[in-house]
């Protein structure tokens, strides 16, 4: 449509930008709720994540006492 500027922020947690003019559906609600399985799905979809891109996919995920140790070893890296 003419005069409408696209805004990527409305797609956070719902889609991933694959290139400047291409996005694909990737809804956070369709990912596993267990942290280890969710991280596996996230990093299967994209090898490297910017913090702003991954944060919507981490909201609401809580680790159990057993998973706390695993989460402590995860390191986020700026891209």
C-alpha atoms as a PDB file:
ATOM      1  CA  UNK A   1       0.000   0.000   0.000  1.00  0.00           C
ATOM      2  CA  UNK A   2       1.193   3.425  -0.784  1.00  0.00           C
ATOM      3  CA  UNK A   3       2.235   5.674   2.103  1.00  0.00           C
ATOM      4  CA  UNK A   4       2.527   2.907   4.705  1.00  0.00           C
ATOM      5  CA  UNK A   5       5.941   2.322   6.249  1.00  0.00           C
ATOM      6  CA  UNK A   6       6.576  -1.227   7.488  1.00  0.00           C
ATOM      7  CA  UNK A   7       7.456  -1.549  11.168  1.00  0.00           C
ATOM      8  CA  UNK A   8       9.394  -4.690  12.157  1.00  0.00           C
ATOM      9  CA  UNK A   9       8.629  -4.162  15.838  1.00  0.00           C
ATOM     10  CA  UNK A  10       5.055  -5.405  15.374  1.00  0.00           C
ATOM     11  CA  UNK A  11       6.441  -8.770  14.239  1.00  0.00           C
ATOM     12  CA  UNK A  12       8.655  -9.391  17.290  1.00  0.00           C
ATOM     13  CA  UNK A  13       7.897 -12.805  18.677  1.00  0.00           C
ATOM     14  CA  UNK A  14       5.763 -13.659  15.648  1.00  0.00           C
ATOM     15  CA  UNK A  15       8.111 -13.646  12.658  1.00  0.00           C
ATOM     16  CA  UNK A  16      11.786 -13.580  11.749  1.00  0.00           C
ATOM     17  CA  UNK A  17      13.304 -11.285   9.158  1.00  0.00           C
ATOM     18  CA  UNK A  18      15.347 -13.437   6.789  1.00  0.00           C
ATOM     19  CA  UNK A  19      16.411 -10.551   4.597  1.00  0.00           C
ATOM     20  CA  UNK A  20      15.487  -6.931   4.066  1.00  0.00           C
ATOM     21  CA  UNK A  21      12.388  -7.850   2.071  1.00  0.00           C
ATOM     22  CA  UNK A  22      11.522 -11.323   3.399  1.00  0.00           C
ATOM     23  CA  UNK A  23      10.063 -12.543   6.704  1.00  0.00           C
ATOM     24  CA  UNK A  24       8.865 -15.938   7.834  1.00  0.00           C
ATOM     25  CA  UNK A  25       6.330 -16.902  10.434  1.00  0.00           C
ATOM     26  CA  UNK A  26       7.941 -17.973  13.725  1.00  0.00           C
ATOM     27  CA  UNK A  27       5.407 -17.477  16.534  1.00  0.00           C
ATOM     28  CA  UNK A  28       6.705 -17.683  20.108  1.00  0.00           C
ATOM     29  CA  UNK A  29       3.459 -19.385  21.132  1.00  0.00           C
ATOM     30  CA  UNK A  30       4.294 -22.376  18.923  1.00  0.00           C
ATOM     31  CA  UNK A  31       7.658 -23.011  20.629  1.00  0.00           C
ATOM     32  CA  UNK A  32       8.129 -25.553  23.431  1.00  0.00           C
ATOM     33  CA  UNK A  33       7.584 -24.207  26.941  1.00  0.00           C
ATOM     34  CA  UNK A  34      10.484 -26.112  28.510  1.00  0.00           C
ATOM     35  CA  UNK A  35      13.591 -23.877  28.444  1.00  0.00           C
ATOM     36  CA  UNK A  36      16.028 -26.479  27.030  1.00  0.00           C
ATOM     37  CA  UNK A  37      13.635 -27.444  24.231  1.00  0.00           C
ATOM     38  CA  UNK A  38      12.858 -23.800  23.495  1.00  0.00           C
ATOM     39  CA  UNK A  39      16.556 -22.895  23.233  1.00  0.00           C
ATOM     40  CA  UNK A  40      17.110 -25.885  20.947  1.00  0.00           C
ATOM     41  CA  UNK A  41      14.272 -24.727  18.672  1.00  0.00           C
ATOM     42  CA  UNK A  42      15.508 -21.134  18.682  1.00  0.00           C
ATOM     43  CA  UNK A  43      19.064 -22.047  17.753  1.00  0.00           C
ATOM     44  CA  UNK A  44      17.875 -24.536  15.149  1.00  0.00           C
ATOM     45  CA  UNK A  45      16.009 -21.673  13.491  1.00  0.00           C
ATOM     46  CA  UNK A  46      18.884 -19.201  13.694  1.00  0.00           C
ATOM     47  CA  UNK A  47      22.480 -19.830  14.703  1.00  0.00           C
ATOM     48  CA  UNK A  48      23.116 -16.302  16.018  1.00  0.00           C
ATOM     49  CA  UNK A  49      20.636 -13.936  17.614  1.00  0.00           C
ATOM     50  CA  UNK A  50      20.736 -10.264  18.477  1.00  0.00           C
ATOM     51  CA  UNK A  51      19.428  -9.647  21.995  1.00  0.00           C
ATOM     52  CA  UNK A  52      16.510  -7.566  20.707  1.00  0.00           C
ATOM     53  CA  UNK A  53      15.450 -10.399  18.381  1.00  0.00           C
ATOM     54  CA  UNK A  54      15.578 -13.252  20.915  1.00  0.00           C
ATOM     55  CA  UNK A  55      14.077 -11.482  23.941  1.00  0.00           C
ATOM     56  CA  UNK A  56      10.439 -11.775  22.790  1.00  0.00           C
ATOM     57  CA  UNK A  57      10.953 -15.560  22.523  1.00  0.00           C
ATOM     58  CA  UNK A  58      12.246 -15.784  26.108  1.00  0.00           C
ATOM     59  CA  UNK A  59       9.502 -13.856  27.866  1.00  0.00           C
ATOM     60  CA  UNK A  60       7.417 -15.987  30.194  1.00  0.00           C
ATOM     61  CA  UNK A  61       9.812 -18.948  30.168  1.00  0.00           C
ATOM     62  CA  UNK A  62      10.772 -20.076  33.650  1.00  0.00           C
ATOM     63  CA  UNK A  63      13.343 -22.688  34.533  1.00  0.00           C
ATOM     64  CA  UNK A  64      12.654 -25.327  37.146  1.00  0.00           C
ATOM     65  CA  UNK A  65      15.177 -25.903  39.947  1.00  0.00           C
ATOM     66  CA  UNK A  66      16.865 -28.630  37.841  1.00  0.00           C
ATOM     67  CA  UNK A  67      17.166 -26.334  34.826  1.00  0.00           C
ATOM     68  CA  UNK A  68      18.652 -23.421  36.790  1.00  0.00           C
ATOM     69  CA  UNK A  69      22.128 -24.962  36.553  1.00  0.00           C
ATOM     70  CA  UNK A  70      21.843 -25.368  32.779  1.00  0.00           C
ATOM     71  CA  UNK A  71      20.666 -21.795  32.289  1.00  0.00           C
ATOM     72  CA  UNK A  72      23.635 -20.478  34.234  1.00  0.00           C
ATOM     73  CA  UNK A  73      25.969 -21.752  31.541  1.00  0.00           C
ATOM     74  CA  UNK A  74      24.253 -19.898  28.683  1.00  0.00           C
ATOM     75  CA  UNK A  75      26.185 -16.877  27.457  1.00  0.00           C
ATOM     76  CA  UNK A  76      24.572 -14.195  25.313  1.00  0.00           C
ATOM     77  CA  UNK A  77      26.796 -12.528  22.778  1.00  0.00           C
ATOM     78  CA  UNK A  78      26.199  -9.251  20.997  1.00  0.00           C
ATOM     79  CA  UNK A  79      26.183  -9.468  17.219  1.00  0.00           C
END
